[in-house]
Amino acid sequence: MTQEKIERILQEIGIEYRYHHFETEEAVNPPFICWLIPGSNNFSADGKVYFKSNKVNIELYTDQKDFDLEEQVEEILDKYGLFWQKDEQYIKSENMYEVLYEVEGK
């Protein structure tokens, strides 16, 4: 999945986002999204890559549980035909929820 496609999807969600993290001077209040490409899951044979597929993590941060915003994110991921897995944790030191969407695509 290309940077352009990922950012087109994130723009549709309508909240601030950055690749990997926000710099200190550009920090924003939640909700916000950080996204990154932690690896790939390419298809190959005979030592050649035939199909490239990036793993993409979309991390949604909120200061309180926001079911409506999560539903909005999921509807947009579905709209683009992306298969996603969801995981959640509470980050006590930051007093924030992190909802992680793991998606894959070309």
PDB file of N, CA and C in Angstrom:
ATOM      1  N   MET A   1       0.854  -1.160   0.000  1.00  0.00           N
ATOM      2  CA  MET A   1       0.000   0.000   0.000  1.00  0.00           C
ATOM      3  C   MET A   1       0.908   1.232   0.000  1.00  0.00           C
ATOM      4  N   THR A   2       0.589   2.182  -0.827  1.00  0.00           N
ATOM      5  CA  THR A   2       1.425   3.362  -0.963  1.00  0.00           C
ATOM      6  C   THR A   2       1.094   4.412   0.096  1.00  0.00           C
ATOM      7  N   GLN A   3       2.043   5.298   0.316  1.00  0.00           N
ATOM      8  CA  GLN A   3       1.824   6.406   1.235  1.00  0.00           C
ATOM      9  C   GLN A   3       0.623   7.230   0.790  1.00  0.00           C
ATOM     10  N   GLU A   4       0.514   7.464  -0.507  1.00  0.00           N
ATOM     11  CA  GLU A   4      -0.585   8.279  -1.026  1.00  0.00           C
ATOM     12  C   GLU A   4      -1.942   7.643  -0.712  1.00  0.00           C
ATOM     13  N   LYS A   5      -2.057   6.331  -0.906  1.00  0.00           N
ATOM     14  CA  LYS A   5      -3.333   5.653  -0.638  1.00  0.00           C
ATOM     15  C   LYS A   5      -3.655   5.699   0.853  1.00  0.00           C
ATOM     16  N   ILE A   6      -2.660   5.432   1.684  1.00  0.00           N
ATOM     17  CA  ILE A   6      -2.890   5.443   3.134  1.00  0.00           C
ATOM     18  C   ILE A   6      -3.348   6.832   3.576  1.00  0.00           C
ATOM     19  N   GLU A   7      -2.664   7.858   3.096  1.00  0.00           N
ATOM     20  CA  GLU A   7      -3.017   9.214   3.526  1.00  0.00           C
ATOM     21  C   GLU A   7      -4.362   9.661   2.962  1.00  0.00           C
ATOM     22  N   ARG A   8      -4.745   9.177   1.799  1.00  0.00           N
ATOM     23  CA  ARG A   8      -6.081   9.474   1.259  1.00  0.00           C
ATOM     24  C   ARG A   8      -7.146   8.880   2.187  1.00  0.00           C
ATOM     25  N   ILE A   9      -6.907   7.672   2.660  1.00  0.00           N
ATOM     26  CA  ILE A   9      -7.834   7.019   3.591  1.00  0.00           C
ATOM     27  C   ILE A   9      -7.892   7.797   4.906  1.00  0.00           C
ATOM     28  N   LEU A  10      -6.726   8.166   5.437  1.00  0.00           N
ATOM     29  CA  LEU A  10      -6.678   8.869   6.720  1.00  0.00           C
ATOM     30  C   LEU A  10      -7.310  10.254   6.632  1.00  0.00           C
ATOM     31  N   GLN A  11      -7.163  10.933   5.511  1.00  0.00           N
ATOM     32  CA  GLN A  11      -7.794  12.246   5.341  1.00  0.00           C
ATOM     33  C   GLN A  11      -9.309  12.137   5.451  1.00  0.00           C
ATOM     34  N   GLU A  12      -9.837  11.044   4.969  1.00  0.00           N
ATOM     35  CA  GLU A  12     -11.283  10.835   5.018  1.00  0.00           C
ATOM     36  C   GLU A  12     -11.791  10.689   6.451  1.00  0.00           C
ATOM     37  N   ILE A  13     -10.937  10.196   7.336  1.00  0.00           N
ATOM     38  CA  ILE A  13     -11.331  10.052   8.742  1.00  0.00           C
ATOM     39  C   ILE A  13     -11.507  11.422   9.377  1.00  0.00           C
ATOM     40  N   GLY A  14     -10.675  12.380   8.984  1.00  0.00           N
ATOM     41  CA  GLY A  14     -10.890  13.758   9.395  1.00  0.00           C
ATOM     42  C   GLY A  14     -10.242  14.182  10.702  1.00  0.00           C
ATOM     43  N   ILE A  15      -9.254  13.441  11.182  1.00  0.00           N
ATOM     44  CA  ILE A  15      -8.517  13.884  12.368  1.00  0.00           C
ATOM     45  C   ILE A  15      -7.029  13.946  12.007  1.00  0.00           C
ATOM     46  N   GLU A  16      -6.242  14.624  12.833  1.00  0.00           N
ATOM     47  CA  GLU A  16      -4.809  14.774  12.573  1.00  0.00           C
ATOM     48  C   GLU A  16      -4.123  13.417  12.535  1.00  0.00           C
ATOM     49  N   TYR A  17      -3.132  13.297  11.646  1.00  0.00           N
ATOM     50  CA  TYR A  17      -2.351  12.063  11.558  1.00  0.00           C
ATOM     51  C   TYR A  17      -0.926  12.399  11.151  1.00  0.00           C
ATOM     52  N   ARG A  18      -0.007  11.514  11.477  1.00  0.00           N
ATOM     53  CA  ARG A  18       1.397  11.615  11.086  1.00  0.00           C
ATOM     54  C   ARG A  18       1.950  10.210  10.899  1.00  0.00           C
ATOM     55  N   TYR A  19       3.007  10.141  10.106  1.00  0.00           N
ATOM     56  CA  TYR A  19       3.725   8.867  10.008  1.00  0.00           C
ATOM     57  C   TYR A  19       4.549   8.693  11.277  1.00  0.00           C
ATOM     58  N   HIS A  20       4.364   7.603  11.947  1.00  0.00           N
ATOM     59  CA  HIS A  20       5.105   7.149  13.129  1.00  0.00           C
ATOM     60  C   HIS A  20       4.815   7.950  14.394  1.00  0.00           C
ATOM     61  N   HIS A  21       5.016   9.277  14.380  1.00  0.00           N
ATOM     62  CA  HIS A  21       4.819  10.060  15.603  1.00  0.00           C
ATOM     63  C   HIS A  21       4.705  11.547  15.268  1.00  0.00           C
ATOM     64  N   PHE A  22       4.214  12.291  16.213  1.00  0.00           N
ATOM     65  CA  PHE A  22       4.200  13.746  16.122  1.00  0.00           C
ATOM     66  C   PHE A  22       5.458  14.267  16.811  1.00  0.00           C
ATOM     67  N   GLU A  23       6.117  15.227  16.213  1.00  0.00           N
ATOM     68  CA  GLU A  23       7.239  15.887  16.886  1.00  0.00           C
ATOM     69  C   GLU A  23       6.683  16.693  18.059  1.00  0.00           C
ATOM     70  N   THR A  24       7.505  16.934  19.065  1.00  0.00           N
ATOM     71  CA  THR A  24       7.068  17.641  20.265  1.00  0.00           C
ATOM     72  C   THR A  24       6.401  18.969  19.939  1.00  0.00           C
ATOM     73  N   GLU A  25       6.993  19.728  19.018  1.00  0.00           N
ATOM     74  CA  GLU A  25       6.456  21.053  18.711  1.00  0.00           C
ATOM     75  C   GLU A  25       5.158  21.012  17.914  1.00  0.00           C
ATOM     76  N   GLU A  26       4.788  19.850  17.378  1.00  0.00           N
ATOM     77  CA  GLU A  26       3.541  19.758  16.612  1.00  0.00           C
ATOM     78  C   GLU A  26       2.509  18.862  17.290  1.00  0.00           C
ATOM     79  N   ALA A  27       2.720  18.578  18.552  1.00  0.00           N
ATOM     80  CA  ALA A  27       1.807  17.704  19.289  1.00  0.00           C
ATOM     81  C   ALA A  27       0.384  18.249  19.260  1.00  0.00           C
ATOM     82  N   VAL A  28      -0.573  17.346  19.168  1.00  0.00           N
ATOM     83  CA  VAL A  28      -1.983  17.701  19.165  1.00  0.00           C
ATOM     84  C   VAL A  28      -2.702  16.928  20.260  1.00  0.00           C
ATOM     85  N   ASN A  29      -3.849  17.413  20.641  1.00  0.00           N
ATOM     86  CA  ASN A  29      -4.671  16.702  21.615  1.00  0.00           C
ATOM     87  C   ASN A  29      -5.400  15.567  20.910  1.00  0.00           C
ATOM     88  N   PRO A  30      -5.694  14.502  21.653  1.00  0.00           N
ATOM     89  CA  PRO A  30      -6.460  13.400  21.068  1.00  0.00           C
ATOM     90  C   PRO A  30      -7.853  13.876  20.669  1.00  0.00           C
ATOM     91  N   PRO A  31      -8.469  13.263  19.693  1.00  0.00           N
ATOM     92  CA  PRO A  31      -8.014  12.064  18.997  1.00  0.00           C
ATOM     93  C   PRO A  31      -7.028  12.403  17.876  1.00  0.00           C
ATOM     94  N   PHE A  32      -6.105  11.463  17.638  1.00  0.00           N
ATOM     95  CA  PHE A  32      -5.188  11.573  16.521  1.00  0.00           C
ATOM     96  C   PHE A  32      -4.752  10.178  16.102  1.00  0.00           C
ATOM     97  N   ILE A  33      -4.107  10.109  14.944  1.00  0.00           N
ATOM     98  CA  ILE A  33      -3.660   8.826  14.398  1.00  0.00           C
ATOM     99  C   ILE A  33      -2.176   8.896  14.084  1.00  0.00           C
ATOM    100  N   CYS A  34      -1.460   7.857  14.422  1.00  0.00           N
ATOM    101  CA  CYS A  34      -0.106   7.631  13.944  1.00  0.00           C
ATOM    102  C   CYS A  34      -0.154   6.353  13.119  1.00  0.00           C
ATOM    103  N   TRP A  35       0.518   6.380  11.980  1.00  0.00           N
ATOM    104  CA  TRP A  35       0.524   5.187  11.134  1.00  0.00           C
ATOM    105  C   TRP A  35       1.958   4.852  10.766  1.00  0.00           C
ATOM    106  N   LEU A  36       2.211   3.586  10.498  1.00  0.00           N
ATOM    107  CA  LEU A  36       3.540   3.161  10.099  1.00  0.00           C
ATOM    108  C   LEU A  36       3.468   1.865   9.312  1.00  0.00           C
ATOM    109  N   ILE A  37       4.549   1.592   8.627  1.00  0.00           N
ATOM    110  CA  ILE A  37       4.675   0.355   7.848  1.00  0.00           C
ATOM    111  C   ILE A  37       5.739  -0.492   8.536  1.00  0.00           C
ATOM    112  N   PRO A  38       5.332  -1.445   9.392  1.00  0.00           N
ATOM    113  CA  PRO A  38       6.311  -2.229  10.143  1.00  0.00           C
ATOM    114  C   PRO A  38       6.958  -3.356   9.347  1.00  0.00           C
ATOM    115  N   GLY A  39       6.468  -3.629   8.143  1.00  0.00           N
ATOM    116  CA  GLY A  39       7.047  -4.704   7.348  1.00  0.00           C
ATOM    117  C   GLY A  39       6.207  -4.978   6.119  1.00  0.00           C
ATOM    118  N   SER A  40       6.507  -6.097   5.493  1.00  0.00           N
ATOM    119  CA  SER A  40       5.764  -6.482   4.296  1.00  0.00           C
ATOM    120  C   SER A  40       5.409  -7.963   4.378  1.00  0.00           C
ATOM    121  N   ASN A  41       4.522  -8.361   3.500  1.00  0.00           N
ATOM    122  CA  ASN A  41       4.124  -9.761   3.390  1.00  0.00           C
ATOM    123  C   ASN A  41       4.027 -10.075   1.896  1.00  0.00           C
ATOM    124  N   ASN A  42       5.176 -10.019   1.231  1.00  0.00           N
ATOM    125  CA  ASN A  42       5.222 -10.191  -0.217  1.00  0.00           C
ATOM    126  C   ASN A  42       5.045 -11.652  -0.618  1.00  0.00           C
ATOM    127  N   PHE A  43       4.526 -11.851  -1.824  1.00  0.00           N
ATOM    128  CA  PHE A  43       4.445 -13.187  -2.419  1.00  0.00           C
ATOM    129  C   PHE A  43       5.624 -13.339  -3.365  1.00  0.00           C
ATOM    130  N   SER A  44       6.357 -14.428  -3.208  1.00  0.00           N
ATOM    131  CA  SER A  44       7.525 -14.630  -4.065  1.00  0.00           C
ATOM    132  C   SER A  44       7.651 -16.095  -4.452  1.00  0.00           C
ATOM    133  N   ALA A  45       8.404 -16.298  -5.504  1.00  0.00           N
ATOM    134  CA  ALA A  45       8.754 -17.645  -5.955  1.00  0.00           C
ATOM    135  C   ALA A  45      10.046 -17.538  -6.749  1.00  0.00           C
ATOM    136  N   ASP A  46      10.862 -18.562  -6.639  1.00  0.00           N
ATOM    137  CA  ASP A  46      12.133 -18.616  -7.366  1.00  0.00           C
ATOM    138  C   ASP A  46      12.989 -17.380  -7.115  1.00  0.00           C
ATOM    139  N   GLY A  47      12.961 -16.882  -5.897  1.00  0.00           N
ATOM    140  CA  GLY A  47      13.792 -15.756  -5.525  1.00  0.00           C
ATOM    141  C   GLY A  47      13.340 -14.417  -6.078  1.00  0.00           C
ATOM    142  N   LYS A  48      12.104 -14.333  -6.572  1.00  0.00           N
ATOM    143  CA  LYS A  48      11.592 -13.082  -7.145  1.00  0.00           C
ATOM    144  C   LYS A  48      10.268 -12.715  -6.497  1.00  0.00           C
ATOM    145  N   VAL A  49      10.100 -11.428  -6.203  1.00  0.00           N
ATOM    146  CA  VAL A  49       8.845 -10.935  -5.644  1.00  0.00           C
ATOM    147  C   VAL A  49       7.858 -10.717  -6.786  1.00  0.00           C
ATOM    148  N   TYR A  50       6.713 -11.409  -6.690  1.00  0.00           N
ATOM    149  CA  TYR A  50       5.680 -11.281  -7.714  1.00  0.00           C
ATOM    150  C   TYR A  50       4.551 -10.351  -7.286  1.00  0.00           C
ATOM    151  N   PHE A  51       4.342 -10.246  -6.001  1.00  0.00           N
ATOM    152  CA  PHE A  51       3.267  -9.385  -5.490  1.00  0.00           C
ATOM    153  C   PHE A  51       3.754  -8.740  -4.200  1.00  0.00           C
ATOM    154  N   LYS A  52       3.781  -7.414  -4.165  1.00  0.00           N
ATOM    155  CA  LYS A  52       4.208  -6.674  -2.982  1.00  0.00           C
ATOM    156  C   LYS A  52       2.998  -6.302  -2.143  1.00  0.00           C
ATOM    157  N   SER A  53       3.109  -6.527  -0.850  1.00  0.00           N
ATOM    158  CA  SER A  53       2.029  -6.195   0.066  1.00  0.00           C
ATOM    159  C   SER A  53       2.625  -5.663   1.364  1.00  0.00           C
ATOM    160  N   ASN A  54       2.334  -4.408   1.672  1.00  0.00           N
ATOM    161  CA  ASN A  54       2.825  -3.807   2.907  1.00  0.00           C
ATOM    162  C   ASN A  54       1.880  -4.072   4.061  1.00  0.00           C
ATOM    163  N   LYS A  55       2.457  -4.317   5.216  1.00  0.00           N
ATOM    164  CA  LYS A  55       1.696  -4.328   6.457  1.00  0.00           C
ATOM    165  C   LYS A  55       1.635  -2.877   6.923  1.00  0.00           C
ATOM    166  N   VAL A  56       0.460  -2.432   7.323  1.00  0.00           N
ATOM    167  CA  VAL A  56       0.278  -1.053   7.770  1.00  0.00           C
ATOM    168  C   VAL A  56      -0.410  -1.070   9.131  1.00  0.00           C
ATOM    169  N   ASN A  57       0.168  -0.353  10.079  1.00  0.00           N
ATOM    170  CA  ASN A  57      -0.460  -0.170  11.381  1.00  0.00           C
ATOM    171  C   ASN A  57      -1.050   1.223  11.441  1.00  0.00           C
ATOM    172  N   ILE A  58      -2.320   1.290  11.770  1.00  0.00           N
ATOM    173  CA  ILE A  58      -3.007   2.563  11.984  1.00  0.00           C
ATOM    174  C   ILE A  58      -3.377   2.597  13.458  1.00  0.00           C
ATOM    175  N   GLU A  59      -2.747   3.513  14.185  1.00  0.00           N
ATOM    176  CA  GLU A  59      -2.926   3.597  15.632  1.00  0.00           C
ATOM    177  C   GLU A  59      -3.804   4.806  15.955  1.00  0.00           C
ATOM    178  N   LEU A  60      -4.993   4.546  16.457  1.00  0.00           N
ATOM    179  CA  LEU A  60      -5.936   5.601  16.833  1.00  0.00           C
ATOM    180  C   LEU A  60      -5.799   5.853  18.331  1.00  0.00           C
ATOM    181  N   TYR A  61      -5.493   7.100  18.689  1.00  0.00           N
ATOM    182  CA  TYR A  61      -5.333   7.482  20.093  1.00  0.00           C
ATOM    183  C   TYR A  61      -6.475   8.399  20.503  1.00  0.00           C
ATOM    184  N   THR A  62      -7.114   8.078  21.630  1.00  0.00           N
ATOM    185  CA  THR A  62      -8.196   8.901  22.177  1.00  0.00           C
ATOM    186  C   THR A  62      -8.010   9.028  23.677  1.00  0.00           C
ATOM    187  N   ASP A  63      -8.523  10.116  24.254  1.00  0.00           N
ATOM    188  CA  ASP A  63      -8.406  10.268  25.706  1.00  0.00           C
ATOM    189  C   ASP A  63      -9.536   9.572  26.453  1.00  0.00           C
ATOM    190  N   GLN A  64     -10.569   9.184  25.728  1.00  0.00           N
ATOM    191  CA  GLN A  64     -11.621   8.346  26.291  1.00  0.00           C
ATOM    192  C   GLN A  64     -12.115   7.394  25.202  1.00  0.00           C
ATOM    193  N   LYS A  65     -12.685   6.305  25.595  1.00  0.00           N
ATOM    194  CA  LYS A  65     -13.156   5.320  24.630  1.00  0.00           C
ATOM    195  C   LYS A  65     -14.176   5.974  23.701  1.00  0.00           C
ATOM    196  N   ASP A  66     -13.939   5.865  22.385  1.00  0.00           N
ATOM    197  CA  ASP A  66     -14.807   6.533  21.414  1.00  0.00           C
ATOM    198  C   ASP A  66     -15.317   5.505  20.396  1.00  0.00           C
ATOM    199  N   PHE A  67     -16.404   4.846  20.743  1.00  0.00           N
ATOM    200  CA  PHE A  67     -16.970   3.811  19.888  1.00  0.00           C
ATOM    201  C   PHE A  67     -17.384   4.361  18.526  1.00  0.00           C
ATOM    202  N   ASP A  68     -17.929   5.578  18.513  1.00  0.00           N
ATOM    203  CA  ASP A  68     -18.387   6.173  17.251  1.00  0.00           C
ATOM    204  C   ASP A  68     -17.221   6.431  16.305  1.00  0.00           C
ATOM    205  N   LEU A  69     -16.119   6.954  16.820  1.00  0.00           N
ATOM    206  CA  LEU A  69     -14.955   7.211  15.977  1.00  0.00           C
ATOM    207  C   LEU A  69     -14.365   5.894  15.460  1.00  0.00           C
ATOM    208  N   GLU A  70     -14.330   4.884  16.299  1.00  0.00           N
ATOM    209  CA  GLU A  70     -13.834   3.573  15.853  1.00  0.00           C
ATOM    210  C   GLU A  70     -14.716   3.024  14.733  1.00  0.00           C
ATOM    211  N   GLU A  71     -16.016   3.161  14.880  1.00  0.00           N
ATOM    212  CA  GLU A  71     -16.931   2.701  13.835  1.00  0.00           C
ATOM    213  C   GLU A  71     -16.696   3.462  12.531  1.00  0.00           C
ATOM    214  N   GLN A  72     -16.447   4.769  12.634  1.00  0.00           N
ATOM    215  CA  GLN A  72     -16.160   5.581  11.456  1.00  0.00           C
ATOM    216  C   GLN A  72     -14.881   5.086  10.768  1.00  0.00           C
ATOM    217  N   VAL A  73     -13.830   4.842  11.538  1.00  0.00           N
ATOM    218  CA  VAL A  73     -12.572   4.328  10.976  1.00  0.00           C
ATOM    219  C   VAL A  73     -12.822   2.997  10.270  1.00  0.00           C
ATOM    220  N   GLU A  74     -13.550   2.111  10.904  1.00  0.00           N
ATOM    221  CA  GLU A  74     -13.813   0.787  10.345  1.00  0.00           C
ATOM    222  C   GLU A  74     -14.642   0.867   9.065  1.00  0.00           C
ATOM    223  N   GLU A  75     -15.617   1.768   9.030  1.00  0.00           N
ATOM    224  CA  GLU A  75     -16.419   1.941   7.817  1.00  0.00           C
ATOM    225  C   GLU A  75     -15.560   2.428   6.654  1.00  0.00           C
ATOM    226  N   ILE A  76     -14.619   3.321   6.935  1.00  0.00           N
ATOM    227  CA  ILE A  76     -13.747   3.832   5.873  1.00  0.00           C
ATOM    228  C   ILE A  76     -12.790   2.742   5.405  1.00  0.00           C
ATOM    229  N   LEU A  77     -12.233   1.952   6.326  1.00  0.00           N
ATOM    230  CA  LEU A  77     -11.371   0.835   5.918  1.00  0.00           C
ATOM    231  C   LEU A  77     -12.154  -0.158   5.063  1.00  0.00           C
ATOM    232  N   ASP A  78     -13.399  -0.436   5.463  1.00  0.00           N
ATOM    233  CA  ASP A  78     -14.258  -1.332   4.684  1.00  0.00           C
ATOM    234  C   ASP A  78     -14.547  -0.756   3.303  1.00  0.00           C
ATOM    235  N   LYS A  79     -14.798   0.551   3.248  1.00  0.00           N
ATOM    236  CA  LYS A  79     -15.087   1.229   1.981  1.00  0.00           C
ATOM    237  C   LYS A  79     -13.959   1.012   0.971  1.00  0.00           C
ATOM    238  N   TYR A  80     -12.722   0.996   1.449  1.00  0.00           N
ATOM    239  CA  TYR A  80     -11.561   0.802   0.572  1.00  0.00           C
ATOM    240  C   TYR A  80     -11.220  -0.678   0.387  1.00  0.00           C
ATOM    241  N   GLY A  81     -12.058  -1.555   0.903  1.00  0.00           N
ATOM    242  CA  GLY A  81     -11.868  -2.988   0.705  1.00  0.00           C
ATOM    243  C   GLY A  81     -10.672  -3.562   1.431  1.00  0.00           C
ATOM    244  N   LEU A  82     -10.330  -2.965   2.570  1.00  0.00           N
ATOM    245  CA  LEU A  82      -9.170  -3.427   3.321  1.00  0.00           C
ATOM    246  C   LEU A  82      -9.583  -4.400   4.405  1.00  0.00           C
ATOM    247  N   PHE A  83      -8.861  -5.502   4.483  1.00  0.00           N
ATOM    248  CA  PHE A  83      -9.053  -6.431   5.596  1.00  0.00           C
ATOM    249  C   PHE A  83      -8.271  -5.889   6.779  1.00  0.00           C
ATOM    250  N   TRP A  84      -8.912  -5.832   7.932  1.00  0.00           N
ATOM    251  CA  TRP A  84      -8.248  -5.283   9.102  1.00  0.00           C
ATOM    252  C   TRP A  84      -8.470  -6.171  10.321  1.00  0.00           C
ATOM    253  N   GLN A  85      -7.520  -6.094  11.225  1.00  0.00           N
ATOM    254  CA  GLN A  85      -7.609  -6.702  12.552  1.00  0.00           C
ATOM    255  C   GLN A  85      -7.489  -5.565  13.555  1.00  0.00           C
ATOM    256  N   LYS A  86      -8.161  -5.707  14.673  1.00  0.00           N
ATOM    257  CA  LYS A  86      -8.222  -4.631  15.660  1.00  0.00           C
ATOM    258  C   LYS A  86      -7.742  -5.141  17.014  1.00  0.00           C
ATOM    259  N   ASP A  87      -6.971  -4.296  17.679  1.00  0.00           N
ATOM    260  CA  ASP A  87      -6.497  -4.601  19.028  1.00  0.00           C
ATOM    261  C   ASP A  87      -6.553  -3.304  19.828  1.00  0.00           C
ATOM    262  N   GLU A  88      -6.705  -3.406  21.118  1.00  0.00           N
ATOM    263  CA  GLU A  88      -6.842  -2.201  21.948  1.00  0.00           C
ATOM    264  C   GLU A  88      -6.051  -2.341  23.224  1.00  0.00           C
ATOM    265  N   GLN A  89      -5.511  -1.204  23.667  1.00  0.00           N
ATOM    266  CA  GLN A  89      -4.880  -1.164  24.976  1.00  0.00           C
ATOM    267  C   GLN A  89      -5.060   0.215  25.590  1.00  0.00           C
ATOM    268  N   TYR A  90      -5.000   0.271  26.904  1.00  0.00           N
ATOM    269  CA  TYR A  90      -5.028   1.549  27.607  1.00  0.00           C
ATOM    270  C   TYR A  90      -3.597   1.849  28.036  1.00  0.00           C
ATOM    271  N   ILE A  91      -3.115   3.030  27.682  1.00  0.00           N
ATOM    272  CA  ILE A  91      -1.758   3.433  28.043  1.00  0.00           C
ATOM    273  C   ILE A  91      -1.868   4.318  29.283  1.00  0.00           C
ATOM    274  N   LYS A  92      -1.658   3.702  30.423  1.00  0.00           N
ATOM    275  CA  LYS A  92      -1.878   4.389  31.699  1.00  0.00           C
ATOM    276  C   LYS A  92      -0.985   5.619  31.853  1.00  0.00           C
ATOM    277  N   SER A  93       0.276   5.528  31.437  1.00  0.00           N
ATOM    278  CA  SER A  93       1.200   6.650  31.599  1.00  0.00           C
ATOM    279  C   SER A  93       0.787   7.871  30.779  1.00  0.00           C
ATOM    280  N   GLU A  94       0.016   7.660  29.723  1.00  0.00           N
ATOM    281  CA  GLU A  94      -0.442   8.752  28.861  1.00  0.00           C
ATOM    282  C   GLU A  94      -1.923   9.072  29.065  1.00  0.00           C
ATOM    283  N   ASN A  95      -2.614   8.251  29.860  1.00  0.00           N
ATOM    284  CA  ASN A  95      -4.059   8.384  30.054  1.00  0.00           C
ATOM    285  C   ASN A  95      -4.801   8.402  28.723  1.00  0.00           C
ATOM    286  N   MET A  96      -4.435   7.458  27.847  1.00  0.00           N
ATOM    287  CA  MET A  96      -5.040   7.385  26.519  1.00  0.00           C
ATOM    288  C   MET A  96      -5.320   5.937  26.153  1.00  0.00           C
ATOM    289  N   TYR A  97      -6.306   5.794  25.288  1.00  0.00           N
ATOM    290  CA  TYR A  97      -6.577   4.517  24.659  1.00  0.00           C
ATOM    291  C   TYR A  97      -5.852   4.479  23.314  1.00  0.00           C
ATOM    292  N   GLU A  98      -5.319   3.315  22.977  1.00  0.00           N
ATOM    293  CA  GLU A  98      -4.769   3.098  21.643  1.00  0.00           C
ATOM    294  C   GLU A  98      -5.537   1.948  21.013  1.00  0.00           C
ATOM    295  N   VAL A  99      -6.147   2.216  19.879  1.00  0.00           N
ATOM    296  CA  VAL A  99      -6.799   1.174  19.111  1.00  0.00           C
ATOM    297  C   VAL A  99      -5.944   0.968  17.867  1.00  0.00           C
ATOM    298  N   LEU A 100      -5.415  -0.224  17.732  1.00  0.00           N
ATOM    299  CA  LEU A 100      -4.513  -0.554  16.627  1.00  0.00           C
ATOM    300  C   LEU A 100      -5.290  -1.303  15.551  1.00  0.00           C
ATOM    301  N   TYR A 101      -5.246  -0.761  14.341  1.00  0.00           N
ATOM    302  CA  TYR A 101      -5.804  -1.439  13.168  1.00  0.00           C
ATOM    303  C   TYR A 101      -4.624  -1.927  12.330  1.00  0.00           C
ATOM    304  N   GLU A 102      -4.558  -3.233  12.135  1.00  0.00           N
ATOM    305  CA  GLU A 102      -3.525  -3.812  11.290  1.00  0.00           C
ATOM    306  C   GLU A 102      -4.168  -4.158   9.957  1.00  0.00           C
ATOM    307  N   VAL A 103      -3.657  -3.552   8.887  1.00  0.00           N
ATOM    308  CA  VAL A 103      -4.182  -3.790   7.559  1.00  0.00           C
ATOM    309  C   VAL A 103      -3.040  -4.188   6.648  1.00  0.00           C
ATOM    310  N   GLU A 104      -3.380  -4.749   5.512  1.00  0.00           N
ATOM    311  CA  GLU A 104      -2.387  -5.156   4.532  1.00  0.00           C
ATOM    312  C   GLU A 104      -2.912  -4.817   3.155  1.00  0.00           C
ATOM    313  N   GLY A 105      -2.033  -4.425   2.281  1.00  0.00           N
ATOM    314  CA  GLY A 105      -2.490  -4.165   0.933  1.00  0.00           C
ATOM    315  C   GLY A 105      -1.386  -3.681   0.032  1.00  0.00           C
ATOM    316  N   LYS A 106      -1.731  -3.661  -1.251  1.00  0.00           N
ATOM    317  CA  LYS A 106      -0.785  -3.218  -2.266  1.00  0.00           C
ATOM    318  C   LYS A 106      -0.914  -1.733  -2.469  1.00  0.00           C
TER     319      LYS A 106
END
